[in-house]
Amino acid sequence: MQVQKVSYPAADNHCTTLDANTAIGFERIARIAVLSLKVPIVAIALVENNSEWVRFSHGLSISEAQKLNLLLNCPSNHMAIVPDTHLDPRFAINRLQTEKTEIRFYAGCCVTDTFGNKLGTFSIMDYSPRQLSENEVQALQDLAVWVQSELKLQNKTQCVGIASLPENRLMALSSDLFCTIGLNDFFQYLNPAWEKILGWTSSQLRSTPCLEFVHPEEQLSTQEKIKVLQNQISSAQDIICFENRLRCKDGYYRWFSWHARYCQQQQLVEAAIRDITELKLAEKELLQQFDQLQSVYHWADLVERVSRANTIEEIYEQSLTGIKAVLNANGAAISIFEEEGGTMFQVGKGISGNFMLSLAKYSPWVDSNSEPQPVLIPRVAESQELGEMQYELLQEGISSCAWIPLVSRGKLFGRFGVYYDKIRNFDEEEVHLAETFADYIVFAIERKQAEAALKRSQAEIAEKATELEAALAELKRNKSQLIQSEKMSSLGQLVAGVAHEINNPVNFIYGNIEHAHNYTQDLLKLLQLYQKHYPEPHPEIQEEAEAVEIDFVIEDLPKLLESMKVGAERIQKIVLSLRNFSRMDEAEMKDVNIHEGIDSTLLILQNRIKAKPNSPGIQIIKNYTDLPLVECFPGQLNQVFMNILSNAIDALEEKTNLNDNSEPPTIWIETKLSHTDRVLIKIADNGTGIPEHIQKRLFDPFFTTKPVGSGTGLGLSISYQIVTEKHRGHLQCNSWLGERTEFTIEIPLKQNLGT
């Protein structure tokens, strides 16, 4: 599987007093350490003149690395690991501070020779605390051994006089390869290790040009290196290092590291060569493991991003973007199938719309009765199983493709496909990871579908609960309004009945008072005539006249009859107000004089308005505008006036009970036209006012602030319904605590119920 590789971190490498070849070797070691151990800093310190000096550093300057190395000196034959410098008392004062930030993690492994003498320290550092696993500790030790090998190779190259190799019997004991190469590119000298490692005899090696043993891929570069050595005029200290593969007798190739120089005097290329096959294999295996780990990391990161998706559309988007990147594909697509087998939904990236249409008609698992398996097409042009789809793929410029099934509960749910414009092989590991991710896509989609279904269910339940609550509230309102209406109806009937019963005798009395007045006047005139013509009446008559105080009766009787007339007129007005308020003869909507309804209500409430021994009277200030007749339900509107005026009187009485006599209790009533087609009625009082939190619930059914038994909490609620629902108007309250409360009623002049 070819995944996107993380390159060697682009930090600076620093070295000093190292030859170029050793620096290259140390850089290779640092690269492996950074990639495998995932650390930003690598340092190699060498022992010189009984002191240890940093000679190579990756990620830090030499001076910074040297300063840290003095604080972190690793003893011989020992490994030092500091998981968190903040928890180590040695660094409580001397913090490991760099130009960038503070070092929080350190691990160092001592580099020794074969006799246990310390050669230096191989160190890794990080800016964050961390723990090393057993495998990472072993890797650190292996890298330290690698440093030892580089130093050993350097010493051999520097110390051995390659030009005098034929006379040096020690070369026969070495496991490294030593040779000289003439100007004709044939080997001149070979130590015994050549035969042991490559399997060729010395004569076979000498009789064949050296380049024929080099792998074809490195022949040109090796030839260029040898030519550079042969053509340069330089000192014996100029050494060139390079790597190549040499062919063994069994046909296999082994990797070698060359340290070579040209001997001008003898016109020979002298070389010390080390077999690094095992190191190369280890490096290759390490990089493969790293690639696998990185691939797993990319898939895990993709799963994490998909898991954070909020919608199914985001799942598709994140999946396509991630699949395309992780598998280095030119295009990717996800298809979701219907139960009948057709394609229900498709989304793609990096492929054309026409190809998407062709793709919707194709499924590689149509005739499969078993659980579908991944379909891998490394070479589209040579495939025998694509049918007509082969032409569509080639038309799109696709050379390789793969389809991974999306399976839900044993049934084909959909697929995702990846498409390449070059030939590509698919390995087992990447296919397995892709299948695992396909399972997760299905899981994520089904989870979102379940969440969406749950949300819909919850929304439906909440909606039904809201409807039930609204229905219950409406039922309560209707019940309360029905009860209140029945009460008001009964009260209206009672008031109307009483008014009717009073009205008949009052009319009789009022109608006869005038006649009684006339008769009385006639009798009084007759009595005056008797007194005039018979000034000396009979003693018995004289005695009776004095007993009844005839003079007072003559004076007071007309006044008495006039007073009776005024009282009868007063009773007539009260009866009219009662009939006006109850409106029993006006139950239907009709045009009425709003002012009459207000005045009738005030008359009924007169007993609460007038002054009493323990409280002052309430001043009523009317500001009536000349209004046309208003189309309304008179009885219901009078009920609204009664509720609002009663509450205003309650507030004024409460303020009086608090001994607040700063201003006389007053109710203002104002009427006027609004927008020419609506009437505005304002009823205000200077009572205690209403707190803001109560104003929000003022028109709620059964809400009351009055003591138990003093209010039902229905008056304003029913008033609100009468104004807003029955008359298509508005009822609102504005109040300033401790100062004033104002109710505003606004209703149309004409209801236009037919519209």
Foldseek 3Di string as FASTA:
>chain_A
DDFDDDDQDPFDKAFPPDDPVLLVLVVVLVSLCCLQVVFQKKWWWFDDPNDIATGMITNAYRVLVRVVCVLVPDDFPDKDWQQFLCPPVSCVPPFSADPVGTWTIKIKDFAAAPVRHTGTIIMTTHNHGDDDDPVSVVSRVVSSVSNNVSVVVVCCVVPDPLVCVVVDPVLLVDLWWKFKAAPVQFTDDTHPNCCVVQVDDPVVRRVDRVLVQWDPVCSVVVVVVVVVQLPDDDDQVDWDKDKTWGHGPVGDTFIKIWTWHADPVVRIIIIIIGGCRVVVVVSVVSVVVSVLVVLVVLLVVLLVQLLPDPALVSNQVSVQVSVCNGVVFQKKKKFFADPVGFTDDMDMPNFDPVLVVVVRVDDLCPPPPFQDAKDWFLALVPDPRCPPVSVSCVVRLFGIKIKGFQDDPRHTGIIMMGTHNHRDDDDPSVSVSVNVSSPSSNVSNVVNVVVVVVVVVVVVVVVVVVVVVVVVLVVVLVVVVVVVVVVLLVVLVVLLVVLVVVVVVLCVQLVCLVVVLVVLVVVLVVVVVCCVVCVPDDVVVVVVCVVVVVVVCSVCVNVVSVVSNVVSVVSNVLSVLSCQQSVPVQQDWDWDDVVSLLVSLCVVCVVLQPQDPLGHHEAEAEAEDDDGTATARRNLVSLLSNLVVVVQSVQAVVQVVVVPPVDGWYWYWYWDDDPNFKIKIKIKIFGQWDDPVVQVCLLRAQDDPDPPPPDRRNSSVSSQCRQCPRFVWGWHWDIDGNTMIMIMGMGGRDRPVVD
